[in-house]
Structure formats: structure tokens, C-alpha cells
C-alpha atoms as a PDB file:
ATOM      1  CA  MET A   1      -0.006  -0.014   0.003  1.00  0.00           C
ATOM      2  CA  GLN A   2       1.367   3.425  -0.978  1.00  0.00           C
ATOM      3  CA  ILE A   3       1.368   5.795   1.945  1.00  0.00           C
ATOM      4  CA  SER A   4       1.507   9.544   1.346  1.00  0.00           C
ATOM      5  CA  PRO A   5       4.026  11.633   3.277  1.00  0.00           C
ATOM      6  CA  VAL A   6       3.278  12.134   6.952  1.00  0.00           C
ATOM      7  CA  ALA A   7       3.487  15.646   8.378  1.00  0.00           C
ATOM      8  CA  ILE A   8       5.373  15.829  11.758  1.00  0.00           C
ATOM      9  CA  ILE A   9       4.195  19.008  13.491  1.00  0.00           C
ATOM     10  CA  GLY A  10       6.951  19.611  16.009  1.00  0.00           C
ATOM     11  CA  GLY A  11       9.275  17.478  13.947  1.00  0.00           C
ATOM     12  CA  LEU A  12      12.419  18.530  15.793  1.00  0.00           C
ATOM     13  CA  GLY A  13      11.077  17.756  19.275  1.00  0.00           C
ATOM     14  CA  LYS A  14      11.864  14.801  21.610  1.00  0.00           C
ATOM     15  CA  THR A  15       9.276  12.561  19.963  1.00  0.00           C
ATOM     16  CA  GLY A  16       8.814  14.255  16.615  1.00  0.00           C
ATOM     17  CA  GLY A  17      12.326  13.619  15.492  1.00  0.00           C
ATOM     18  CA  ARG A  18      12.086   9.984  16.583  1.00  0.00           C
ATOM     19  CA  VAL A  19       8.817   9.509  14.723  1.00  0.00           C
ATOM     20  CA  ALA A  20      10.389  10.972  11.532  1.00  0.00           C
ATOM     21  CA  GLU A  21      13.348   8.595  11.802  1.00  0.00           C
ATOM     22  CA  ARG A  22      11.163   5.484  12.229  1.00  0.00           C
ATOM     23  CA  LEU A  23       8.891   6.438   9.357  1.00  0.00           C
ATOM     24  CA  LYS A  24      11.878   6.886   7.062  1.00  0.00           C
ATOM     25  CA  GLU A  25      13.198   3.491   8.189  1.00  0.00           C
ATOM     26  CA  ARG A  26       9.949   2.002   6.922  1.00  0.00           C
ATOM     27  CA  GLY A  27      10.207   3.796   3.597  1.00  0.00           C
ATOM     28  CA  ILE A  28       7.538   6.354   4.423  1.00  0.00           C
ATOM     29  CA  ALA A  29       8.304  10.009   3.685  1.00  0.00           C
ATOM     30  CA  ALA A  30       8.157  12.272   6.687  1.00  0.00           C
ATOM     31  CA  ARG A  31       7.912  16.035   6.509  1.00  0.00           C
ATOM     32  CA  ALA A  32       9.185  17.661   9.711  1.00  0.00           C
ATOM     33  CA  ALA A  33       7.498  21.015  10.323  1.00  0.00           C
ATOM     34  CA  SER A  34       8.560  23.637  12.863  1.00  0.00           C
ATOM     35  CA  ARG A  35       9.563  27.225  13.028  1.00  0.00           C
ATOM     36  CA  SER A  36      13.049  26.383  11.685  1.00  0.00           C
ATOM     37  CA  THR A  37      12.068  24.054   8.820  1.00  0.00           C
ATOM     38  CA  THR A  38      11.106  24.605   5.174  1.00  0.00           C
ATOM     39  CA  PRO A  39       8.166  24.817   4.891  1.00  0.00           C
ATOM     40  CA  ARG A  40       7.813  26.574   8.220  1.00  0.00           C
ATOM     41  CA  PHE A  41       5.183  25.800  10.803  1.00  0.00           C
ATOM     42  CA  ASP A  42       4.417  28.233  13.580  1.00  0.00           C
ATOM     43  CA  TRP A  43       1.479  27.773  15.963  1.00  0.00           C
ATOM     44  CA  GLN A  44       1.218  31.535  16.217  1.00  0.00           C
ATOM     45  CA  GLU A  45       1.131  32.122  12.399  1.00  0.00           C
ATOM     46  CA  ARG A  46      -1.736  30.178  10.865  1.00  0.00           C
ATOM     47  CA  SER A  47      -0.672  31.268   7.380  1.00  0.00           C
ATOM     48  CA  THR A  48       2.122  28.620   7.667  1.00  0.00           C
ATOM     49  CA  TRP A  49      -0.180  25.765   8.392  1.00  0.00           C
ATOM     50  CA  HIS A  50      -1.506  24.829   4.945  1.00  0.00           C
ATOM     51  CA  GLN A  51       1.818  24.496   3.235  1.00  0.00           C
ATOM     52  CA  ALA A  52       3.123  22.242   6.028  1.00  0.00           C
ATOM     53  CA  LEU A  53       0.162  19.943   5.731  1.00  0.00           C
ATOM     54  CA  GLU A  54      -0.528  20.027   1.982  1.00  0.00           C
ATOM     55  CA  GLY A  55       0.149  16.757   0.177  1.00  0.00           C
ATOM     56  CA  THR A  56       0.192  14.622   3.352  1.00  0.00           C
ATOM     57  CA  SER A  57      -2.331  11.992   4.320  1.00  0.00           C
ATOM     58  CA  ALA A  58      -1.631  11.957   8.056  1.00  0.00           C
ATOM     59  CA  ALA A  59      -0.005  14.035  10.714  1.00  0.00           C
ATOM     60  CA  TYR A  60       1.709  13.496  14.059  1.00  0.00           C
ATOM     61  CA  VAL A  61       1.038  16.581  16.120  1.00  0.00           C
ATOM     62  CA  THR A  62       2.822  17.870  19.197  1.00  0.00           C
ATOM     63  CA  PHE A  63       1.790  21.263  20.608  1.00  0.00           C
ATOM     64  CA  GLN A  64       4.078  23.877  22.009  1.00  0.00           C
ATOM     65  CA  PRO A  65       4.361  24.955  24.774  1.00  0.00           C
ATOM     66  CA  ASP A  66       1.751  22.498  26.157  1.00  0.00           C
ATOM     67  CA  LEU A  67      -1.868  21.557  25.640  1.00  0.00           C
ATOM     68  CA  SER A  68      -2.777  22.974  29.036  1.00  0.00           C
ATOM     69  CA  VAL A  69      -2.295  26.602  28.013  1.00  0.00           C
ATOM     70  CA  ASP A  70      -5.451  28.654  27.508  1.00  0.00           C
ATOM     71  CA  TRP A  71      -5.250  28.922  23.661  1.00  0.00           C
ATOM     72  CA  ALA A  72      -4.293  25.355  22.909  1.00  0.00           C
ATOM     73  CA  ALA A  73      -7.757  23.839  22.443  1.00  0.00           C
ATOM     74  CA  GLU A  74      -8.887  26.387  19.929  1.00  0.00           C
ATOM     75  CA  ALA A  75      -5.612  26.065  18.035  1.00  0.00           C
ATOM     76  CA  ILE A  76      -5.907  22.269  17.845  1.00  0.00           C
ATOM     77  CA  GLY A  77      -9.454  22.559  16.549  1.00  0.00           C
ATOM     78  CA  ALA A  78      -8.348  25.106  13.935  1.00  0.00           C
ATOM     79  CA  LEU A  79      -5.370  22.937  12.956  1.00  0.00           C
ATOM     80  CA  ALA A  80      -7.659  19.898  12.472  1.00  0.00           C
ATOM     81  CA  LYS A  81      -9.928  21.924  10.189  1.00  0.00           C
ATOM     82  CA  ALA A  82      -6.912  23.181   8.220  1.00  0.00           C
ATOM     83  CA  ALA A  83      -5.726  19.547   7.941  1.00  0.00           C
ATOM     84  CA  ILE A  84      -9.036  18.400   6.522  1.00  0.00           C
ATOM     85  CA  GLU A  85      -8.942  21.204   3.950  1.00  0.00           C
ATOM     86  CA  ALA A  86      -5.421  20.076   2.995  1.00  0.00           C
ATOM     87  CA  GLY A  87      -6.525  16.509   2.430  1.00  0.00           C
ATOM     88  CA  VAL A  88      -5.210  15.019   5.694  1.00  0.00           C
ATOM     89  CA  GLU A  89      -7.309  12.077   6.926  1.00  0.00           C
ATOM     90  CA  HIS A  90      -5.768  11.195  10.258  1.00  0.00           C
ATOM     91  CA  ILE A  91      -4.076  13.030  13.145  1.00  0.00           C
ATOM     92  CA  VAL A  92      -2.122  11.349  15.898  1.00  0.00           C
ATOM     93  CA  LEU A  93      -2.102  13.781  18.768  1.00  0.00           C
ATOM     94  CA  LEU A  94       0.463  13.661  21.600  1.00  0.00           C
ATOM     95  CA  SER A  95      -1.534  14.630  24.682  1.00  0.00           C
ATOM     96  CA  GLY A  96      -0.940  14.686  28.433  1.00  0.00           C
ATOM     97  CA  ARG A  97      -2.320  12.686  31.271  1.00  0.00           C
ATOM     98  CA  GLY A  98      -4.500  14.386  33.853  1.00  0.00           C
ATOM     99  CA  GLU A  99      -4.468  17.851  32.219  1.00  0.00           C
ATOM    100  CA  ASP A 100      -7.831  19.528  31.867  1.00  0.00           C
ATOM    101  CA  GLY A 101      -6.592  21.633  28.992  1.00  0.00           C
ATOM    102  CA  ALA A 102      -5.341  18.554  27.189  1.00  0.00           C
ATOM    103  CA  VAL A 103      -8.811  17.012  27.422  1.00  0.00           C
ATOM    104  CA  ARG A 104     -10.292  20.165  25.967  1.00  0.00           C
ATOM    105  CA  SER A 105      -7.892  20.000  23.084  1.00  0.00           C
ATOM    106  CA  GLU A 106      -8.691  16.344  22.469  1.00  0.00           C
ATOM    107  CA  GLU A 107     -12.423  17.132  22.304  1.00  0.00           C
ATOM    108  CA  LYS A 108     -11.796  19.965  19.787  1.00  0.00           C
ATOM    109  CA  LEU A 109      -9.900  17.568  17.610  1.00  0.00           C
ATOM    110  CA  LYS A 110     -12.614  14.924  17.722  1.00  0.00           C
ATOM    111  CA  ALA A 111     -15.360  17.431  17.039  1.00  0.00           C
ATOM    112  CA  THR A 112     -13.935  18.245  13.599  1.00  0.00           C
ATOM    113  CA  GLY A 113     -14.690  14.720  12.420  1.00  0.00           C
ATOM    114  CA  ILE A 114     -11.141  13.951  11.253  1.00  0.00           C
ATOM    115  CA  GLY A 115      -9.705  10.501  11.975  1.00  0.00           C
ATOM    116  CA  TYR A 116      -7.747  10.724  15.209  1.00  0.00           C
ATOM    117  CA  THR A 117      -5.617   8.829  17.684  1.00  0.00           C
ATOM    118  CA  VAL A 118      -4.882  10.369  21.033  1.00  0.00           C
ATOM    119  CA  LEU A 119      -1.714   9.350  22.921  1.00  0.00           C
ATOM    120  CA  ARG A 120      -1.846  10.506  26.549  1.00  0.00           C
ATOM    121  CA  ALA A 121       1.762  10.236  27.777  1.00  0.00           C
ATOM    122  CA  SER A 122       3.167  10.497  31.254  1.00  0.00           C
ATOM    123  CA  TRP A 123       6.416  12.434  31.976  1.00  0.00           C
ATOM    124  CA  PHE A 124       9.275  11.518  29.656  1.00  0.00           C
ATOM    125  CA  ASN A 125      12.394   9.735  30.794  1.00  0.00           C
ATOM    126  CA  GLN A 126      14.250  12.081  28.426  1.00  0.00           C
ATOM    127  CA  ASN A 127      13.415  15.068  30.572  1.00  0.00           C
ATOM    128  CA  PHE A 128      16.433  13.900  32.581  1.00  0.00           C
ATOM    129  CA  SER A 129      18.743  13.669  29.564  1.00  0.00           C
ATOM    130  CA  GLU A 130      17.440  15.957  26.836  1.00  0.00           C
ATOM    131  CA  GLY A 131      15.547  18.540  28.814  1.00  0.00           C
ATOM    132  CA  ALA A 132      15.548  20.979  31.710  1.00  0.00           C
ATOM    133  CA  PHE A 133      16.797  18.560  34.345  1.00  0.00           C
ATOM    134  CA  VAL A 134      20.212  17.882  32.818  1.00  0.00           C
ATOM    135  CA  ASP A 135      21.979  20.924  34.315  1.00  0.00           C
ATOM    136  CA  GLY A 136      20.870  20.004  37.895  1.00  0.00           C
ATOM    137  CA  LEU A 137      22.033  16.451  37.461  1.00  0.00           C
ATOM    138  CA  LEU A 138      25.458  17.598  36.200  1.00  0.00           C
ATOM    139  CA  GLN A 139      25.762  19.895  39.146  1.00  0.00           C
ATOM    140  CA  GLY A 140      25.019  17.026  41.576  1.00  0.00           C
ATOM    141  CA  LYS A 141      21.615  18.193  42.817  1.00  0.00           C
ATOM    142  CA  LEU A 142      18.190  18.361  41.239  1.00  0.00           C
ATOM    143  CA  ALA A 143      15.716  20.542  43.073  1.00  0.00           C
ATOM    144  CA  LEU A 144      12.043  20.372  42.050  1.00  0.00           C
ATOM    145  CA  PRO A 145       8.657  20.954  43.653  1.00  0.00           C
ATOM    146  CA  ALA A 146       7.833  17.217  43.341  1.00  0.00           C
ATOM    147  CA  GLY A 147       7.636  15.222  46.565  1.00  0.00           C
ATOM    148  CA  ASP A 148       6.776  11.575  47.087  1.00  0.00           C
ATOM    149  CA  VAL A 149       4.081  11.167  44.430  1.00  0.00           C
ATOM    150  CA  PRO A 150       5.189   8.464  42.027  1.00  0.00           C
ATOM    151  CA  GLU A 151       5.152   8.997  38.286  1.00  0.00           C
ATOM    152  CA  PRO A 152       5.299   6.164  35.694  1.00  0.00           C
ATOM    153  CA  PHE A 153       7.927   7.828  33.479  1.00  0.00           C
ATOM    154  CA  ILE A 154       7.839   6.714  29.851  1.00  0.00           C
ATOM    155  CA  ASP A 155      10.565   6.534  27.285  1.00  0.00           C
ATOM    156  CA  ALA A 156      10.339   8.792  24.215  1.00  0.00           C
ATOM    157  CA  ASP A 157      11.424   5.905  22.024  1.00  0.00           C
ATOM    158  CA  ASP A 158       8.294   3.990  23.164  1.00  0.00           C
ATOM    159  CA  ILE A 159       6.088   6.974  22.417  1.00  0.00           C
ATOM    160  CA  ALA A 160       7.569   7.263  18.940  1.00  0.00           C
ATOM    161  CA  ASN A 161       7.216   3.589  18.207  1.00  0.00           C
ATOM    162  CA  ALA A 162       3.587   3.717  19.280  1.00  0.00           C
ATOM    163  CA  ALA A 163       2.855   6.831  17.280  1.00  0.00           C
ATOM    164  CA  VAL A 164       4.301   5.231  14.131  1.00  0.00           C
ATOM    165  CA  GLU A 165       2.091   2.178  14.591  1.00  0.00           C
ATOM    166  CA  CYS A 166      -0.932   4.378  15.056  1.00  0.00           C
ATOM    167  CA  LEU A 167      -0.079   6.327  11.890  1.00  0.00           C
ATOM    168  CA  ILE A 168       0.179   3.295   9.650  1.00  0.00           C
ATOM    169  CA  ASP A 169      -2.316   0.829  11.195  1.00  0.00           C
ATOM    170  CA  PRO A 170      -6.003   1.867  10.743  1.00  0.00           C
ATOM    171  CA  ARG A 171      -7.053  -0.305  13.640  1.00  0.00           C
ATOM    172  CA  HIS A 172      -5.775   2.454  15.941  1.00  0.00           C
ATOM    173  CA  ARG A 173      -7.998   5.161  14.445  1.00  0.00           C
ATOM    174  CA  ASN A 174     -10.468   6.896  16.710  1.00  0.00           C
ATOM    175  CA  GLN A 175      -8.826   5.448  19.813  1.00  0.00           C
ATOM    176  CA  THR A 176      -7.347   7.009  22.931  1.00  0.00           C
ATOM    177  CA  TYR A 177      -4.438   5.347  24.670  1.00  0.00           C
ATOM    178  CA  GLU A 178      -2.731   6.073  27.995  1.00  0.00           C
ATOM    179  CA  LEU A 179       1.043   5.648  27.645  1.00  0.00           C
ATOM    180  CA  THR A 180       3.194   5.038  30.742  1.00  0.00           C
ATOM    181  CA  GLY A 181       6.267   3.175  31.744  1.00  0.00           C
ATOM    182  CA  PRO A 182       6.039  -0.205  33.497  1.00  0.00           C
ATOM    183  CA  ARG A 183       6.370   1.129  37.037  1.00  0.00           C
ATOM    184  CA  ALA A 184       5.977   4.364  38.948  1.00  0.00           C
ATOM    185  CA  LEU A 185       8.878   6.089  40.682  1.00  0.00           C
ATOM    186  CA  THR A 186       9.181   9.308  42.643  1.00  0.00           C
ATOM    187  CA  PHE A 187      11.547  11.889  41.304  1.00  0.00           C
ATOM    188  CA  ARG A 188      13.890  11.103  44.156  1.00  0.00           C
ATOM    189  CA  GLN A 189      13.892   7.419  43.170  1.00  0.00           C
ATOM    190  CA  ALA A 190      14.508   8.381  39.496  1.00  0.00           C
ATOM    191  CA  VAL A 191      17.490  10.549  40.416  1.00  0.00           C
ATOM    192  CA  SER A 192      18.818   7.753  42.659  1.00  0.00           C
ATOM    193  CA  GLU A 193      18.711   5.286  39.718  1.00  0.00           C
ATOM    194  CA  ILE A 194      20.500   7.835  37.491  1.00  0.00           C
ATOM    195  CA  ALA A 195      23.124   8.324  40.163  1.00  0.00           C
ATOM    196  CA  THR A 196      23.692   4.585  40.394  1.00  0.00           C
ATOM    197  CA  ALA A 197      23.873   4.110  36.658  1.00  0.00           C
ATOM    198  CA  SER A 198      26.360   6.994  36.228  1.00  0.00           C
ATOM    199  CA  ASN A 199      28.387   6.064  39.286  1.00  0.00           C
ATOM    200  CA  ARG A 200      28.010   9.553  40.773  1.00  0.00           C
ATOM    201  CA  THR A 201      26.568  11.142  43.897  1.00  0.00           C
ATOM    202  CA  ILE A 202      23.499  13.134  42.867  1.00  0.00           C
ATOM    203  CA  LYS A 203      21.100  14.492  45.472  1.00  0.00           C
ATOM    204  CA  TYR A 204      17.398  15.246  45.056  1.00  0.00           C
ATOM    205  CA  GLU A 205      15.710  18.101  46.982  1.00  0.00           C
ATOM    206  CA  THR A 206      12.028  18.824  47.215  1.00  0.00           C
ATOM    207  CA  VAL A 207      11.449  22.643  47.148  1.00  0.00           C
ATOM    208  CA  PRO A 208       8.192  24.556  47.712  1.00  0.00           C
ATOM    209  CA  ILE A 209       6.238  25.350  44.590  1.00  0.00           C
ATOM    210  CA  GLY A 210       6.120  29.051  45.391  1.00  0.00           C
ATOM    211  CA  ALA A 211       9.893  29.292  45.807  1.00  0.00           C
ATOM    212  CA  PHE A 212      10.428  27.342  42.572  1.00  0.00           C
ATOM    213  CA  ILE A 213       8.127  29.563  40.576  1.00  0.00           C
ATOM    214  CA  ALA A 214       9.723  32.679  41.992  1.00  0.00           C
ATOM    215  CA  GLU A 215      13.164  31.371  40.974  1.00  0.00           C
ATOM    216  CA  MET A 216      11.953  30.600  37.412  1.00  0.00           C
ATOM    217  CA  THR A 217      10.485  34.093  37.209  1.00  0.00           C
ATOM    218  CA  ALA A 218      13.756  35.548  38.287  1.00  0.00           C
ATOM    219  CA  TYR A 219      15.472  33.597  35.521  1.00  0.00           C
ATOM    220  CA  GLY A 220      13.269  35.454  33.119  1.00  0.00           C
ATOM    221  CA  LEU A 221      10.677  32.790  32.160  1.00  0.00           C
ATOM    222  CA  PRO A 222       7.425  34.359  30.924  1.00  0.00           C
ATOM    223  CA  ARG A 223       4.239  34.143  32.886  1.00  0.00           C
ATOM    224  CA  GLU A 224       2.686  31.598  30.495  1.00  0.00           C
ATOM    225  CA  THR A 225       5.665  29.252  31.158  1.00  0.00           C
ATOM    226  CA  THR A 226       5.646  29.671  34.903  1.00  0.00           C
ATOM    227  CA  ASP A 227       1.840  29.108  35.013  1.00  0.00           C
ATOM    228  CA  LEU A 228       2.377  25.917  33.022  1.00  0.00           C
ATOM    229  CA  LEU A 229       5.081  24.770  35.422  1.00  0.00           C
ATOM    230  CA  HIS A 230       2.782  25.456  38.349  1.00  0.00           C
ATOM    231  CA  GLU A 231       0.085  23.271  36.827  1.00  0.00           C
ATOM    232  CA  LEU A 232       2.500  20.507  35.874  1.00  0.00           C
ATOM    233  CA  PHE A 233       3.946  20.253  39.409  1.00  0.00           C
ATOM    234  CA  THR A 234       0.634  20.553  41.272  1.00  0.00           C
ATOM    235  CA  GLN A 235      -2.351  19.293  39.285  1.00  0.00           C
ATOM    236  CA  VAL A 236      -0.468  16.726  37.134  1.00  0.00           C
ATOM    237  CA  LEU A 237       1.583  15.468  40.041  1.00  0.00           C
ATOM    238  CA  ASP A 238      -1.111  15.177  42.604  1.00  0.00           C
ATOM    239  CA  GLY A 239      -1.280  11.389  42.314  1.00  0.00           C
ATOM    240  CA  ARG A 240      -3.960  11.200  39.649  1.00  0.00           C
ATOM    241  CA  ASN A 241      -1.417   9.935  37.106  1.00  0.00           C
ATOM    242  CA  SER A 242       0.434   7.469  39.260  1.00  0.00           C
ATOM    243  CA  PRO A 243      -1.301   4.239  38.032  1.00  0.00           C
ATOM    244  CA  VAL A 244       0.595   2.295  35.395  1.00  0.00           C
ATOM    245  CA  MET A 245      -1.430   1.894  32.180  1.00  0.00           C
ATOM    246  CA  ASP A 246      -1.176  -0.576  29.303  1.00  0.00           C
ATOM    247  CA  GLY A 247      -1.301   1.639  26.198  1.00  0.00           C
ATOM    248  CA  ILE A 248       2.202   0.557  24.998  1.00  0.00           C
ATOM    249  CA  SER A 249       1.368  -3.126  25.254  1.00  0.00           C
ATOM    250  CA  GLN A 250      -1.999  -2.499  23.509  1.00  0.00           C
ATOM    251  CA  ILE A 251      -0.279  -0.815  20.591  1.00  0.00           C
ATOM    252  CA  LEU A 252       3.108  -2.580  20.365  1.00  0.00           C
ATOM    253  CA  GLY A 253       2.380  -5.944  21.965  1.00  0.00           C
ATOM    254  CA  ARG A 254       5.208  -5.666  24.485  1.00  0.00           C
ATOM    255  CA  GLN A 255       6.062  -3.923  27.738  1.00  0.00           C
ATOM    256  CA  PRO A 256       7.509  -0.431  27.709  1.00  0.00           C
ATOM    257  CA  LYS A 257      11.137   0.240  28.627  1.00  0.00           C
ATOM    258  CA  ASP A 258      11.864   0.303  32.328  1.00  0.00           C
ATOM    259  CA  PHE A 259      13.419   3.421  33.777  1.00  0.00           C
ATOM    260  CA  SER A 260      16.470   1.517  35.071  1.00  0.00           C
ATOM    261  CA  ASP A 261      17.161   0.317  31.476  1.00  0.00           C
ATOM    262  CA  TYR A 262      16.833   3.878  30.259  1.00  0.00           C
ATOM    263  CA  ALA A 263      19.150   5.174  33.008  1.00  0.00           C
ATOM    264  CA  ARG A 264      21.840   2.489  32.262  1.00  0.00           C
ATOM    265  CA  GLU A 265      21.739   2.988  28.492  1.00  0.00           C
ATOM    266  CA  THR A 266      21.796   6.793  28.782  1.00  0.00           C
ATOM    267  CA  ALA A 267      24.550   6.840  31.369  1.00  0.00           C
ATOM    268  CA  ALA A 268      26.708   4.902  28.924  1.00  0.00           C
ATOM    269  CA  THR A 269      26.502   7.829  26.489  1.00  0.00           C
ATOM    270  CA  GLY A 270      28.295  10.089  28.960  1.00  0.00           C
ATOM    271  CA  ILE A 271      25.541  12.692  29.093  1.00  0.00           C
ATOM    272  CA  TRP A 272      25.591  12.772  32.986  1.00  0.00           C
ATOM    273  CA  SER A 273      29.379  12.468  33.261  1.00  0.00           C
ATOM    274  CA  VAL A 274      31.266  15.381  34.878  1.00  0.00           C
ATOM    275  CA  GLN A 275      34.429  16.284  33.081  1.00  0.00           C
ATOM    276  CA  SER A 276      37.381  16.600  35.430  1.00  0.00           C
END
């Protein structure tokens, strides 16, 4: 079966880049679309949307900065309508677990009538190696407003593999899946596993949410970002998302990668090594 190119909205992100790689490995053309690609795609400039979507049959969509921001739901609905006009038949949306704004965005997507698959993912393993937590780990202490609530961290590779299956297998259309890792860990336990894997001493400190937001504001983060961080570290990490779900096994027929395997494999790359 000939499959038209797949648009990857957010094609240079943690999962978007991985989805593009896997599609190409299967001989399926992938068109990465972001503010730095040609054609461009910018969530704030809707004139860029049609060209990024034109000529594709499906799209993998990640939203920046996060589906919980106020304008996300309306933007997702508008994108789905633009996709239909461009001839796109199916959108795989990366969503979040336990976020009211994410649910609103999912509903806007479904209301357009386009074929959809929603992937509700927990916190990524790669936040510790490709995101904001790397500097703290290198300095030997990660301080976050996350206490003893466990989170079933998921690997970005598993998300990408699941997304690709959903893009190419019509059995996954009009389905919603919860994607988590195989067990839940607290942030303190996750940092401990990273420390063991990298043979270093790394401490974890729980800090008050107010102090954390004040520090981020002092660093110059905009209000929209600090409001998002507040929601992620309070609403999303209040225990509602601690249960382990079976979305990965439903889609891929296997268990997701365990955090300890991620920590060991990632430590071997040297990303957490301190140069003497």
C-alpha cells in the first residue's frame, strides 16, 4: 500500500524527530515542520499551516508549549480543520495525562470529524537527559517541587514507536491510549537510579512550589511558562497519574522500557558524566 508523506508537527522535538526517523526506516516520507524548517510551521502564524500539511495523508502533532495553556484547544481545533482542507485524513495527537486543558484539546480535535488517535503520555524519561533537568544532574543536585508522588515515566522511544504504529495501522483510528512506563517512581527514586547508573553522587531536593516559581520568574521565564510549570507540578503530580497503564502493550504488543534500563543506557552515552 502506498502511503503519502506524513507531516510531523513539532518534527524537531523529543518525539517528533524519533517519529520521523522511524517512518523513514519504513520507507515512508516524513515532513518535519517547525519554526526552523522549510516549509515553516508556527502555531502563532496560521498562514504557515496549509503548506506544512498540503500533500500529506496523516499528521503526528505535538503542541508547544503545552496543551494545558489557554489557547491550545482552539488552536488544535483550527489545525484539524486546516488539515481536513489540505486533504489530511488522520491526526495522531500527543496529549498529556491528567491535564484539563489537554482534554479540551482532544475534544476539539474529535469534534472536527477527522480520523484521530490520542496518545496521553506521562512524563518523559528524556526530561532527565534531553531537557531541563540535565544541568541540575550535572551539578550534583536536582531541586524540584515534586515530593513523594510516584510517576510512571515513559521513554520517548516507546512513544515514537507507538505513534508510528498508530499512523500506519488503521485499527488504531479513533482510539485514545494512556502511555506510561512499566512502574511508577518518585523523582527522588529516579534521580537515585540515574546516580547509580552514572556512578556519581546526585542529590534530590524537594522545594516549595512558590519558591520554585519565584526562581523561574527571576530567571526570566514568561508568565505563560511559569503558570504551566505550576500546573504540571501541582495538578499533574497530585497522584492522579500514578497508576501504570497498558497503552504501550496494547499498541506494540510488548512492555514499555523500564526506567532503570533507560538510566543505564543513557549513562553509557556520557551525558551525565562530569568532566574533570
